[in-house]
Amino acid sequence: RARLHTTTRYFRPAMTAAGFDIKPGDHPSVPIMLYDAVLAKTMASRLVRQGISVIGLSYPVVPRDQARIRVQVSAAHTREQLNTAVTVFTSVAKQLGVIK
């Protein structure tokens, strides 16, 4: 459990620093907020094609206008894997205009 907490505490701030809007918390299920269902689906699809396992969620699974991509951090993730995920997320998000 300590390792899971460590990986979660590393990933969340790294994604926030990269410019992503993340619902607050300290749990390993990390909601990357996009607010648009089509955008969440498109981005999730591109991330999966690049080897990042994520799930896009939209209404009716989450409230309208609260679409997001869910990332599940694991105790088995290495720092290198987490950094790769942040890099790929950032690249895809820039392509889609989610972040600058």
C-alpha atoms as a PDB file:
ATOM      1  CA  ARG A   1       0.000   0.000   0.000  1.00  0.00           C
ATOM      2  CA  ALA A   2       2.857   2.362   0.711  1.00  0.00           C
ATOM      3  CA  ARG A   3       4.209   1.901  -2.821  1.00  0.00           C
ATOM      4  CA  LEU A   4       0.768   2.598  -4.311  1.00  0.00           C
ATOM      5  CA  HIS A   5       0.499   5.765  -2.263  1.00  0.00           C
ATOM      6  CA  THR A   6       3.957   6.833  -3.455  1.00  0.00           C
ATOM      7  CA  THR A   7       3.158   6.278  -7.135  1.00  0.00           C
ATOM      8  CA  THR A   8      -0.150   8.099  -6.781  1.00  0.00           C
ATOM      9  CA  ARG A   9       1.493  11.057  -5.007  1.00  0.00           C
ATOM     10  CA  TYR A  10       3.996  11.256  -7.864  1.00  0.00           C
ATOM     11  CA  PHE A  11       1.579  10.951 -10.788  1.00  0.00           C
ATOM     12  CA  ARG A  12      -1.126  13.384  -9.715  1.00  0.00           C
ATOM     13  CA  PRO A  13       1.154  16.428  -9.259  1.00  0.00           C
ATOM     14  CA  ALA A  14       3.072  15.559 -12.430  1.00  0.00           C
ATOM     15  CA  MET A  15      -0.145  15.636 -14.449  1.00  0.00           C
ATOM     16  CA  THR A  16      -1.276  18.859 -12.786  1.00  0.00           C
ATOM     17  CA  ALA A  17       2.101  20.463 -13.523  1.00  0.00           C
ATOM     18  CA  ALA A  18       1.700  19.417 -17.167  1.00  0.00           C
ATOM     19  CA  GLY A  19      -1.508  21.481 -17.281  1.00  0.00           C
ATOM     20  CA  PHE A  20      -4.244  18.916 -16.708  1.00  0.00           C
ATOM     21  CA  ASP A  21      -7.329  19.509 -14.579  1.00  0.00           C
ATOM     22  CA  ILE A  22      -7.578  16.665 -12.076  1.00  0.00           C
ATOM     23  CA  LYS A  23     -10.266  16.169  -9.455  1.00  0.00           C
ATOM     24  CA  PRO A  24      -8.616  16.484  -6.037  1.00  0.00           C
ATOM     25  CA  GLY A  25      -7.885  13.436  -3.950  1.00  0.00           C
ATOM     26  CA  ASP A  26      -5.194  11.011  -2.996  1.00  0.00           C
ATOM     27  CA  HIS A  27      -6.697   7.862  -4.472  1.00  0.00           C
ATOM     28  CA  PRO A  28      -5.072   5.957  -7.347  1.00  0.00           C
ATOM     29  CA  SER A  29      -8.067   6.357  -9.651  1.00  0.00           C
ATOM     30  CA  VAL A  30      -7.114   9.648 -11.296  1.00  0.00           C
ATOM     31  CA  PRO A  31      -9.823  11.570 -13.187  1.00  0.00           C
ATOM     32  CA  ILE A  32      -8.336  13.746 -15.930  1.00  0.00           C
ATOM     33  CA  MET A  33     -11.144  16.213 -16.553  1.00  0.00           C
ATOM     34  CA  LEU A  34     -11.958  17.134 -20.155  1.00  0.00           C
ATOM     35  CA  TYR A  35     -15.661  18.063 -19.734  1.00  0.00           C
ATOM     36  CA  ASP A  36     -16.478  17.125 -23.345  1.00  0.00           C
ATOM     37  CA  ALA A  37     -17.616  13.591 -24.199  1.00  0.00           C
ATOM     38  CA  VAL A  38     -16.319  13.560 -27.781  1.00  0.00           C
ATOM     39  CA  LEU A  39     -12.966  14.953 -26.688  1.00  0.00           C
ATOM     40  CA  ALA A  40     -12.660  12.378 -23.881  1.00  0.00           C
ATOM     41  CA  LYS A  41     -13.413   9.543 -26.296  1.00  0.00           C
ATOM     42  CA  THR A  42     -11.018  10.850 -28.948  1.00  0.00           C
ATOM     43  CA  MET A  43      -8.206  11.448 -26.511  1.00  0.00           C
ATOM     44  CA  ALA A  44      -8.651   8.088 -24.783  1.00  0.00           C
ATOM     45  CA  SER A  45      -8.556   6.334 -28.147  1.00  0.00           C
ATOM     46  CA  ARG A  46      -5.328   8.088 -29.136  1.00  0.00           C
ATOM     47  CA  LEU A  47      -3.737   7.324 -25.773  1.00  0.00           C
ATOM     48  CA  VAL A  48      -4.617   3.632 -26.041  1.00  0.00           C
ATOM     49  CA  ARG A  49      -3.115   3.511 -29.536  1.00  0.00           C
ATOM     50  CA  GLN A  50       0.088   4.867 -28.017  1.00  0.00           C
ATOM     51  CA  GLY A  51       0.161   2.221 -25.296  1.00  0.00           C
ATOM     52  CA  ILE A  52      -1.411   4.144 -22.416  1.00  0.00           C
ATOM     53  CA  SER A  53      -4.274   2.143 -20.927  1.00  0.00           C
ATOM     54  CA  VAL A  54      -7.063   4.560 -20.022  1.00  0.00           C
ATOM     55  CA  ILE A  55     -10.829   4.741 -20.060  1.00  0.00           C
ATOM     56  CA  GLY A  56     -12.873   7.661 -21.356  1.00  0.00           C
ATOM     57  CA  LEU A  57     -15.990   8.285 -19.286  1.00  0.00           C
ATOM     58  CA  SER A  58     -18.986  10.418 -20.180  1.00  0.00           C
ATOM     59  CA  TYR A  59     -22.712  10.676 -19.500  1.00  0.00           C
ATOM     60  CA  PRO A  60     -24.500   8.604 -18.217  1.00  0.00           C
ATOM     61  CA  VAL A  61     -21.509   7.137 -16.345  1.00  0.00           C
ATOM     62  CA  VAL A  62     -20.584  10.605 -15.067  1.00  0.00           C
ATOM     63  CA  PRO A  63     -22.730  13.765 -14.957  1.00  0.00           C
ATOM     64  CA  ARG A  64     -23.254  15.730 -18.174  1.00  0.00           C
ATOM     65  CA  ASP A  65     -20.358  18.058 -18.945  1.00  0.00           C
ATOM     66  CA  GLN A  66     -18.095  16.104 -16.572  1.00  0.00           C
ATOM     67  CA  ALA A  67     -16.467  13.820 -19.168  1.00  0.00           C
ATOM     68  CA  ARG A  68     -13.045  12.618 -18.203  1.00  0.00           C
ATOM     69  CA  ILE A  69     -10.339  10.083 -18.782  1.00  0.00           C
ATOM     70  CA  ARG A  70      -9.709   7.780 -15.877  1.00  0.00           C
ATOM     71  CA  VAL A  71      -6.194   6.592 -15.154  1.00  0.00           C
ATOM     72  CA  GLN A  72      -5.669   3.810 -12.646  1.00  0.00           C
ATOM     73  CA  VAL A  73      -2.276   4.111 -10.962  1.00  0.00           C
ATOM     74  CA  SER A  74      -0.796   0.843  -9.738  1.00  0.00           C
ATOM     75  CA  ALA A  75       1.843  -0.018  -7.163  1.00  0.00           C
ATOM     76  CA  ALA A  76       3.588  -1.878  -9.980  1.00  0.00           C
ATOM     77  CA  HIS A  77       4.071   1.267 -12.066  1.00  0.00           C
ATOM     78  CA  THR A  78       7.647   2.462 -12.216  1.00  0.00           C
ATOM     79  CA  ARG A  79       8.680   6.104 -12.177  1.00  0.00           C
ATOM     80  CA  GLU A  80       9.765   5.662 -15.810  1.00  0.00           C
ATOM     81  CA  GLN A  81       6.304   4.361 -16.794  1.00  0.00           C
ATOM     82  CA  LEU A  82       4.600   7.246 -15.008  1.00  0.00           C
ATOM     83  CA  ASN A  83       6.877   9.751 -16.749  1.00  0.00           C
ATOM     84  CA  THR A  84       6.116   8.115 -20.097  1.00  0.00           C
ATOM     85  CA  ALA A  85       2.386   8.383 -19.383  1.00  0.00           C
ATOM     86  CA  VAL A  86       2.719  12.096 -18.569  1.00  0.00           C
ATOM     87  CA  THR A  87       4.740  12.662 -21.745  1.00  0.00           C
ATOM     88  CA  VAL A  88       2.252  10.828 -23.969  1.00  0.00           C
ATOM     89  CA  PHE A  89      -0.734  12.506 -22.290  1.00  0.00           C
ATOM     90  CA  THR A  90       0.884  15.891 -22.837  1.00  0.00           C
ATOM     91  CA  SER A  91       1.663  15.207 -26.482  1.00  0.00           C
ATOM     92  CA  VAL A  92      -1.855  14.005 -27.279  1.00  0.00           C
ATOM     93  CA  ALA A  93      -3.443  16.844 -25.281  1.00  0.00           C
ATOM     94  CA  LYS A  94      -1.421  19.424 -27.197  1.00  0.00           C
ATOM     95  CA  GLN A  95      -2.451  17.852 -30.514  1.00  0.00           C
ATOM     96  CA  LEU A  96      -6.098  18.128 -29.460  1.00  0.00           C
ATOM     97  CA  GLY A  97      -5.799  21.617 -27.984  1.00  0.00           C
ATOM     98  CA  VAL A  98      -6.530  20.482 -24.443  1.00  0.00           C
ATOM     99  CA  ILE A  99      -3.354  22.147 -23.137  1.00  0.00           C
ATOM    100  CA  LYS A 100      -0.877  24.574 -24.683  1.00  0.00           C
END
